[in-house]
């Protein structure tokens, strides 16, 4: 009968380790730990509370744990480098684990090592962390294990993750200036409504001059906001809370995902970005010798957008009925004709994975240019909007002054 034992030990780097282990006896547990490179300093039978806590930890945090994209890229590159240099999987993971600082990151590496030492495949072990290693990542690793090309698979994955990170940083960098402009515009409007307009309103009232309709509207709006600013803050806060709730709820996320490709100008960018990720994942899966239908099913999980889900349905039906993927892409009106032709060429030449990866390279280049073009459109639009708002307020303020000047003459 196996026992649940709590042990304290020191690893090869001199760090203290405390955990639970299942073994037939304390002696057997010490031997298992010694083989893992741990020097046991204390071992006792675990309490019921410790066992329950361990089970909850194992079942709960792995499903929700998420590794930052930068850390995932670093992990993948290091695995590629270590495996290419001839290292075995467990020592490679141990070496990477010693470099990590965050306790959850270290625990993830330890879990992977334990699963490998218990006889699991690396692809299976990674599936325990679905928010770190998605289905396509695990499938590519599994394909590398079965074909003895694991170092090459990690290298390909590092290239994909690197391109994804570079594009994300490009998008975030391009949106920084428009966001700053919007913040500046909001601050200017608030200064005008809460500080400038009230002063002019007092001056106009003391002069008793007749006010144009636009000036009255501006002064009334300023007075309402100043007198009911608490309600305004509550209203804005409620609106923001509603937007956040909509974004985190499953129904709200589905709505946002389906709408993102239909927004004017930005919809084209969103569609192209999703296409690039879809083509990149599908191409690499096919190049890793994953079956076409399985590759389509795994790639489907890249996005939940309805238009792309319909595209995947058509492609799966085409493969099942013996037709070509390029025909399904052309009938969807979602993929550009040039990309469809590239896929058709790959199908006819027997290099479908390489053709789709080539199409993904084209999309990545186009997406970089498209991000720049959209940014160049957004920036002048915000500046024009700022000019219109400030100009409208200025005209509303100066019109009565012109009337007063003409009356005095």
Protein backbone atom coordinates (compact mmCIF):
# COMPACT_ATOMS: atom_id res chain seq x y z
CA UNK A 1 0.00 0.00 0.00
CA UNK A 2 1.42 3.37 -1.04
CA UNK A 3 1.98 6.04 1.57
CA UNK A 4 1.73 9.80 1.24
CA UNK A 5 4.95 11.23 2.63
CA UNK A 6 6.10 14.78 3.24
CA UNK A 7 9.80 15.30 2.69
CA UNK A 8 12.36 18.03 3.10
CA UNK A 9 15.46 17.84 0.92
CA UNK A 10 18.26 19.79 -0.73
CA UNK A 11 18.62 19.79 -4.52
CA UNK A 12 21.84 19.79 -6.55
CA UNK A 13 22.05 23.59 -6.47
CA UNK A 14 21.81 23.66 -2.67
CA UNK A 15 18.24 24.97 -2.52
CA UNK A 16 15.81 23.53 0.08
CA UNK A 17 12.83 21.59 -1.30
CA UNK A 18 9.63 20.59 0.51
CA UNK A 19 6.94 18.47 -1.16
CA UNK A 20 4.85 15.29 -1.07
CA UNK A 21 5.68 11.91 -2.61
CA UNK A 22 3.84 8.59 -2.95
CA UNK A 23 5.88 5.48 -2.11
CA UNK A 24 5.57 2.04 -0.51
CA UNK A 25 7.81 3.05 2.37
CA UNK A 26 10.05 5.84 3.61
CA UNK A 27 13.11 3.95 2.40
CA UNK A 28 11.66 3.60 -1.11
CA UNK A 29 10.76 7.30 -1.13
CA UNK A 30 14.30 8.30 -0.13
CA UNK A 31 15.68 6.13 -2.93
CA UNK A 32 13.33 7.74 -5.51
CA UNK A 33 14.32 11.20 -4.39
CA UNK A 34 18.02 10.30 -4.41
CA UNK A 35 17.69 9.24 -8.07
CA UNK A 36 16.22 12.69 -8.79
CA UNK A 37 19.30 14.33 -7.30
CA UNK A 38 17.73 15.28 -3.95
CA UNK A 39 19.38 14.73 -0.56
CA UNK A 40 16.58 14.04 1.94
CA UNK A 41 16.96 15.72 5.33
CA UNK A 42 13.57 14.79 6.80
CA UNK A 43 10.66 12.57 5.77
CA UNK A 44 7.39 11.93 7.63
CA UNK A 45 3.94 10.62 6.83
CA UNK A 46 1.74 13.38 5.39
CA UNK A 47 -1.36 14.57 7.19
CA UNK A 48 -4.81 14.47 5.54
CA UNK A 49 -4.76 18.27 5.25
CA UNK A 50 -1.42 18.24 3.42
CA UNK A 51 -2.65 15.61 0.96
CA UNK A 52 -5.88 17.50 0.24
CA UNK A 53 -3.96 20.74 -0.25
CA UNK A 54 -1.60 19.01 -2.68
CA UNK A 55 -4.51 17.57 -4.68
CA UNK A 56 -6.26 20.93 -4.88
CA UNK A 57 -3.03 22.57 -6.01
CA UNK A 58 -2.42 19.96 -8.68
CA UNK A 59 -5.97 20.12 -10.03
CA UNK A 60 -6.52 23.86 -9.79
CA UNK A 61 -3.56 26.03 -10.60
CA UNK A 62 -2.23 24.13 -13.62
CA UNK A 63 -5.43 24.76 -15.60
CA UNK A 64 -5.42 28.50 -14.86
CA UNK A 65 -1.69 29.21 -14.85
CA UNK A 66 -0.48 31.37 -17.72
CA UNK A 67 3.12 32.13 -18.67
CA UNK A 68 3.88 35.58 -20.16
CA UNK A 69 4.65 35.45 -23.88
CA UNK A 70 8.20 36.69 -23.29
CA UNK A 71 8.86 33.87 -20.81
CA UNK A 72 7.28 31.29 -23.13
CA UNK A 73 9.55 32.46 -25.96
CA UNK A 74 12.61 32.25 -23.70
CA UNK A 75 11.62 28.75 -22.51
CA UNK A 76 11.11 27.51 -26.08
CA UNK A 77 14.40 28.96 -27.32
CA UNK A 78 16.30 27.50 -24.39
CA UNK A 79 14.76 24.05 -24.96
CA UNK A 80 15.76 24.22 -28.62
CA UNK A 81 19.31 25.23 -27.75
CA UNK A 82 19.77 22.61 -25.02
CA UNK A 83 18.29 19.76 -27.06
CA UNK A 84 20.38 20.67 -30.11
CA UNK A 85 23.47 20.56 -27.91
CA UNK A 86 22.67 16.94 -27.00
CA UNK A 87 20.99 17.37 -23.62
CA UNK A 88 18.23 14.98 -22.55
CA UNK A 89 14.78 16.34 -21.73
CA UNK A 90 14.87 16.08 -17.92
CA UNK A 91 18.32 17.71 -17.51
CA UNK A 92 17.29 20.43 -19.97
CA UNK A 93 14.17 21.21 -17.95
CA UNK A 94 16.20 21.15 -14.74
CA UNK A 95 18.67 23.65 -16.18
CA UNK A 96 15.87 25.99 -17.24
CA UNK A 97 14.11 25.61 -13.88
CA UNK A 98 17.24 26.76 -12.03
CA UNK A 99 17.18 30.03 -13.99
CA UNK A 100 13.57 30.88 -13.18
CA UNK A 101 12.71 33.14 -10.26
CA UNK A 102 8.91 33.07 -9.99
CA UNK A 103 7.72 30.18 -7.74
CA UNK A 104 4.89 29.22 -10.13
CA UNK A 105 7.31 29.07 -13.07
CA UNK A 106 9.65 26.82 -11.08
CA UNK A 107 6.71 24.63 -10.05
CA UNK A 108 5.59 24.26 -13.67
CA UNK A 109 9.04 23.03 -14.70
CA UNK A 110 9.10 20.64 -11.73
CA UNK A 111 5.71 19.24 -12.72
CA UNK A 112 6.95 18.64 -16.27
CA UNK A 113 10.05 16.88 -14.95
CA UNK A 114 8.04 14.69 -12.59
CA UNK A 115 5.67 13.64 -15.37
CA UNK A 116 8.59 12.76 -17.65
CA UNK A 117 10.28 10.73 -14.93
CA UNK A 118 7.03 8.85 -14.39
CA UNK A 119 7.02 7.82 -18.05
CA UNK A 120 4.78 10.47 -19.65
CA UNK A 121 5.57 12.06 -23.01
CA UNK A 122 6.49 15.76 -23.02
CA UNK A 123 3.49 16.66 -25.19
CA UNK A 124 1.16 14.96 -22.69
CA UNK A 125 2.82 16.68 -19.73
CA UNK A 126 2.48 20.08 -21.38
CA UNK A 127 -1.26 19.55 -21.88
CA UNK A 128 -1.68 19.97 -18.11
CA UNK A 129 -0.95 23.68 -18.67
CA UNK A 130 -3.45 24.60 -21.42
CA UNK A 131 -3.05 28.36 -20.96
CA UNK A 132 0.72 28.09 -21.39
CA UNK A 133 0.99 25.41 -24.07
CA UNK A 134 -2.06 25.47 -26.33
CA UNK A 135 -3.31 22.48 -28.29
CA UNK A 136 -1.23 23.28 -31.39
CA UNK A 137 1.95 23.71 -29.30
CA UNK A 138 1.40 20.32 -27.65
CA UNK A 139 0.59 18.69 -31.00
CA UNK A 140 3.81 19.98 -32.56
CA UNK A 141 5.85 18.75 -29.58
CA UNK A 142 4.13 15.36 -29.81
CA UNK A 143 4.91 15.21 -33.53
CA UNK A 144 8.55 16.04 -32.77
CA UNK A 145 8.73 13.28 -30.18
CA UNK A 146 7.24 10.68 -32.53
CA UNK A 147 9.56 11.66 -35.40
CA UNK A 148 12.69 12.22 -33.26
CA UNK A 149 12.85 15.87 -34.41
CA UNK A 150 12.07 17.55 -31.08
CA UNK A 151 14.92 20.13 -31.28
CA UNK A 152 13.71 21.23 -34.73
CA UNK A 153 10.12 21.51 -33.48
CA UNK A 154 11.17 23.71 -30.56
CA UNK A 155 13.15 25.85 -33.02
CA UNK A 156 10.10 26.29 -35.27
CA UNK A 157 7.90 27.10 -32.28
CA UNK A 158 10.38 29.71 -31.08
CA UNK A 159 10.26 31.37 -34.52
CA UNK A 160 6.45 31.46 -34.49
CA UNK A 161 6.23 32.80 -30.93
CA UNK A 162 8.94 35.35 -31.71
CA UNK A 163 7.02 36.66 -34.73
CA UNK A 164 3.78 36.74 -32.72
CA UNK A 165 5.48 38.73 -29.95
CA UNK A 166 7.13 41.12 -32.41
CA UNK A 167 3.79 41.80 -34.13
CA UNK A 168 2.03 42.31 -30.80
CA UNK A 169 4.70 44.79 -29.70
CA UNK A 170 4.37 46.54 -33.06
CA UNK A 171 0.60 46.92 -32.57
CA UNK A 172 0.99 48.13 -28.98
CA UNK A 173 3.70 50.57 -29.98
CA UNK A 174 1.63 51.90 -32.87
CA UNK A 175 -1.37 52.50 -30.59
CA UNK A 176 0.60 54.34 -27.91
CA UNK A 177 0.53 57.74 -29.64
CA UNK A 178 -3.21 57.62 -30.51
CA UNK A 179 -4.04 56.69 -26.92
CA UNK A 180 -1.95 59.62 -25.64
CA UNK A 181 -3.74 61.94 -28.07
CA UNK A 182 -7.13 60.72 -26.85
CA UNK A 183 -6.06 61.30 -23.24
CA UNK A 184 -4.88 64.81 -24.12
CA UNK A 185 -8.13 65.56 -25.94
CA UNK A 186 -10.18 64.38 -22.95
CA UNK A 187 -8.11 66.54 -20.57
CA UNK A 188 -8.56 69.61 -22.79
CA UNK A 189 -12.34 69.18 -22.96
CA UNK A 190 -12.53 68.80 -19.17
CA UNK A 191 -10.50 71.97 -18.61
CA UNK A 192 -12.74 73.91 -20.98
CA UNK A 193 -15.99 72.63 -19.47
CA UNK A 194 -15.06 72.82 -15.79
CA UNK A 195 -12.79 75.90 -15.63
CA UNK A 196 -12.83 78.08 -18.75
CA UNK A 197 -16.56 78.17 -19.62
CA UNK A 198 -17.74 79.05 -16.07
CA UNK A 199 -15.48 82.14 -16.03
CA UNK A 200 -16.85 83.33 -19.36
CA UNK A 201 -20.39 82.59 -18.18
CA UNK A 202 -19.93 84.89 -15.17
CA UNK A 203 -18.54 87.63 -17.43
CA UNK A 204 -21.44 87.36 -19.90
CA UNK A 205 -23.96 87.44 -17.06
CA UNK A 206 -22.42 90.61 -15.58
CA UNK A 207 -22.53 92.32 -19.00
CA UNK A 208 -26.11 91.23 -19.70
CA UNK A 209 -25.29 90.51 -23.32
CA UNK A 210 -27.58 88.30 -25.43
CA UNK A 211 -26.04 84.89 -26.02
CA UNK A 212 -26.16 82.78 -29.20
CA UNK A 213 -27.72 79.31 -28.98
CA UNK A 214 -24.33 77.55 -29.25
CA UNK A 215 -22.96 79.58 -26.33
CA UNK A 216 -26.03 78.86 -24.20
CA UNK A 217 -25.69 75.14 -24.98
CA UNK A 218 -22.03 75.12 -23.94
CA UNK A 219 -22.72 77.03 -20.72
CA UNK A 220 -25.68 74.80 -19.84
CA UNK A 221 -23.57 71.68 -20.44
CA UNK A 222 -20.78 73.08 -18.27
CA UNK A 223 -23.23 73.97 -15.50
CA UNK A 224 -24.83 70.52 -15.57
CA UNK A 225 -21.49 68.75 -15.36
CA UNK A 226 -20.22 70.95 -12.54
CA UNK A 227 -23.45 70.58 -10.57
CA UNK A 228 -23.81 66.82 -11.09
CA UNK A 229 -20.20 65.68 -11.34
CA UNK A 230 -20.79 62.89 -8.79
CA UNK A 231 -23.54 61.41 -10.97
CA UNK A 232 -21.35 61.83 -14.04
CA UNK A 233 -18.47 59.97 -12.37
CA UNK A 234 -20.84 57.21 -11.24
CA UNK A 235 -22.29 56.95 -14.74
CA UNK A 236 -18.88 56.77 -16.41
CA UNK A 237 -17.72 54.21 -13.83
CA UNK A 238 -20.84 52.11 -14.41
CA UNK A 239 -20.31 52.28 -18.16
CA UNK A 240 -16.67 51.19 -17.82
CA UNK A 241 -17.67 48.40 -15.43
CA UNK A 242 -20.26 47.23 -17.95
CA UNK A 243 -17.66 47.20 -20.72
CA UNK A 244 -15.24 45.22 -18.53
CA UNK A 245 -17.99 42.76 -17.55
CA UNK A 246 -18.94 42.36 -21.19
CA UNK A 247 -15.31 41.70 -22.09
CA UNK A 248 -14.77 39.03 -19.40
CA UNK A 249 -18.12 37.23 -19.71
CA UNK A 250 -18.30 34.35 -22.17
CA UNK A 251 -21.24 35.82 -24.09
CA UNK A 252 -19.61 39.25 -24.19
CA UNK A 253 -16.30 37.83 -25.41
CA UNK A 254 -18.07 35.94 -28.19
CA UNK A 255 -19.84 39.12 -29.26
CA UNK A 256 -16.60 41.13 -29.26
CA UNK A 257 -14.73 38.38 -31.14
CA UNK A 258 -17.42 38.25 -33.82
CA UNK A 259 -17.65 42.05 -34.12
CA UNK A 260 -13.92 42.73 -34.34
CA UNK A 261 -13.75 41.75 -38.03
CA UNK A 262 -16.76 43.93 -38.94
CA UNK A 263 -15.54 47.30 -37.62
CA UNK A 264 -14.75 49.75 -40.45
CA UNK A 265 -10.98 50.04 -41.12
CA UNK A 266 -10.04 48.19 -37.91
CA UNK A 267 -12.01 45.13 -39.07
CA UNK A 268 -9.67 44.65 -42.01
CA UNK A 269 -6.68 44.77 -39.66
CA UNK A 270 -8.27 42.29 -37.22
CA UNK A 271 -9.11 39.91 -40.08
CA UNK A 272 -5.57 40.06 -41.43
CA UNK A 273 -4.02 39.50 -37.99
CA UNK A 274 -6.21 36.45 -37.36
CA UNK A 275 -5.39 35.10 -40.82
CA UNK A 276 -1.68 35.43 -40.14
CA UNK A 277 -1.92 33.47 -36.90
CA UNK A 278 -4.16 30.82 -38.50
CA UNK A 279 -1.89 30.30 -41.52
CA UNK A 280 1.24 30.23 -39.36
CA UNK A 281 -0.16 27.58 -37.01
CA UNK A 282 -1.67 25.44 -39.78
CA UNK A 283 1.49 25.57 -41.89
CA UNK A 284 3.74 24.49 -39.04
CA UNK A 285 1.40 21.66 -38.01
CA UNK A 286 1.38 20.33 -41.56
CA UNK A 287 5.16 20.68 -41.81
CA UNK A 288 5.37 18.65 -38.58
CA UNK A 289 3.50 15.86 -40.43
CA UNK A 290 0.26 16.25 -38.46
CA UNK A 291 -2.71 14.88 -40.44
CA UNK A 292 -4.64 17.56 -42.34
CA UNK A 293 -7.95 17.05 -40.52
CA UNK A 294 -6.24 17.00 -37.12
CA UNK A 295 -4.23 20.10 -38.06
CA UNK A 296 -7.43 21.92 -39.06
CA UNK A 297 -9.12 20.93 -35.79
CA UNK A 298 -6.16 22.18 -33.76
CA UNK A 299 -5.84 25.41 -35.77
CA UNK A 300 -9.57 26.07 -35.36
CA UNK A 301 -8.85 26.84 -31.68
CA UNK A 302 -6.72 29.85 -32.62
CA UNK A 303 -9.88 31.98 -32.96
CA UNK A 304 -13.56 31.68 -32.12
CA UNK A 305 -14.67 34.24 -34.70
CA UNK A 306 -17.75 32.94 -36.54
CA UNK A 307 -16.45 33.86 -40.01
CA UNK A 308 -13.28 31.84 -39.48
CA UNK A 309 -15.20 28.96 -37.89
CA UNK A 310 -17.32 28.77 -41.04
CA UNK A 311 -14.09 28.79 -43.08
CA UNK A 312 -12.76 25.84 -41.07
CA UNK A 313 -16.04 23.96 -41.58
CA UNK A 314 -15.68 24.42 -45.34
CA UNK A 315 -12.05 23.32 -45.33
CA UNK A 316 -12.83 20.21 -43.28
CA UNK A 317 -15.71 19.34 -45.60
CA UNK A 318 -13.41 19.84 -48.60
CA UNK A 319 -10.77 17.47 -47.19
CA UNK A 320 -13.38 14.88 -46.21
CA UNK A 321 -14.96 14.94 -49.67
CA UNK A 322 -11.60 14.80 -51.47
CA UNK A 323 -11.61 18.41 -52.70
CA UNK A 324 -8.88 21.03 -52.35
CA UNK A 325 -8.39 23.40 -49.42
CA UNK A 326 -7.80 26.29 -51.80
CA UNK A 327 -11.30 25.84 -53.27
CA UNK A 328 -12.84 26.13 -49.80
CA UNK A 329 -10.77 29.25 -49.11
CA UNK A 330 -11.82 30.90 -52.37
CA UNK A 331 -15.51 30.23 -51.73
CA UNK A 332 -15.34 31.94 -48.33
CA UNK A 333 -14.33 35.40 -49.69
CA UNK A 334 -12.25 35.72 -46.51
CA UNK A 335 -8.83 34.79 -47.91
CA UNK A 336 -7.17 36.95 -50.58
CA UNK A 337 -6.95 35.38 -54.08
CA UNK A 338 -3.13 35.56 -54.05
CA UNK A 339 -3.01 33.50 -50.85
CA UNK A 340 -5.50 30.99 -52.24
CA UNK A 341 -3.30 30.60 -55.30
CA UNK A 342 -0.24 30.01 -53.09
CA UNK A 343 -2.12 27.28 -51.21
CA UNK A 344 -3.29 25.73 -54.50
CA UNK A 345 0.31 25.62 -55.72
CA UNK A 346 1.34 23.84 -52.52
CA UNK A 347 -1.45 21.28 -52.91
CA UNK A 348 -0.50 20.55 -56.50
CA UNK A 349 3.21 20.25 -55.68
CA UNK A 350 2.71 18.15 -52.55
CA UNK A 351 4.15 20.81 -50.24
CA UNK A 352 0.98 22.14 -48.62
CA UNK A 353 2.60 22.93 -45.26
CA UNK A 354 5.42 24.91 -46.86
CA UNK A 355 2.97 26.83 -49.08
CA UNK A 356 0.77 27.79 -46.14
CA UNK A 357 3.83 28.87 -44.13
CA UNK A 358 4.90 30.96 -47.14
CA UNK A 359 1.44 32.57 -47.18
CA UNK A 360 1.84 33.28 -43.46
CA UNK A 361 5.14 35.09 -44.18
CA UNK A 362 3.35 37.25 -46.75
CA UNK A 363 0.58 38.00 -44.26
CA UNK A 364 3.09 38.97 -41.56
CA UNK A 365 4.72 41.48 -43.90
CA UNK A 366 1.34 42.87 -44.97
CA UNK A 367 0.19 43.11 -41.35
CA UNK A 368 3.18 45.23 -40.35
CA UNK A 369 2.38 47.65 -43.19
CA UNK A 370 -1.33 47.58 -42.37
CA UNK A 371 -0.72 48.40 -38.72
CA UNK A 372 1.31 51.43 -39.80
CA UNK A 373 -1.38 52.52 -42.28
CA UNK A 374 -4.20 52.23 -39.71
CA UNK A 375 -2.14 54.17 -37.20
CA UNK A 376 -1.52 56.92 -39.75
CA UNK A 377 -5.29 57.16 -40.25
CA UNK A 378 -6.17 57.20 -36.56
CA UNK A 379 -3.71 59.90 -35.54
CA UNK A 380 -4.99 62.68 -37.88
CA UNK A 381 -8.59 61.65 -37.12
CA UNK A 382 -8.01 62.26 -33.41
CA UNK A 383 -6.23 65.56 -34.10
CA UNK A 384 -9.11 66.72 -36.32
CA UNK A 385 -11.62 65.74 -33.64
CA UNK A 386 -9.64 67.70 -31.04
CA UNK A 387 -9.57 70.71 -33.37
CA UNK A 388 -13.32 70.52 -34.00
CA UNK A 389 -14.16 70.34 -30.28
CA UNK A 390 -11.79 73.10 -29.22
CA UNK A 391 -12.82 75.22 -32.23
CA UNK A 392 -16.52 74.83 -31.42
CA UNK A 393 -15.94 75.92 -27.82
CA UNK A 394 -13.77 78.86 -28.91
CA UNK A 395 -16.33 80.08 -31.45
CA UNK A 396 -19.13 79.79 -28.88
CA UNK A 397 -17.12 81.92 -26.47
CA UNK A 398 -16.01 84.61 -28.89
CA UNK A 399 -19.32 85.19 -30.71
CA UNK A 400 -20.90 87.03 -27.74
CA UNK A 401 -17.75 89.10 -27.37
CA UNK A 402 -18.02 90.22 -30.99
CA UNK A 403 -21.67 91.20 -30.35
CA UNK A 404 -20.67 93.17 -27.26
CA UNK A 405 -17.94 94.97 -29.18
CA UNK A 406 -20.32 95.95 -31.99
CA UNK A 407 -22.91 97.21 -29.46
CA UNK A 408 -20.36 99.45 -27.74
CA UNK A 409 -19.36 100.98 -31.07
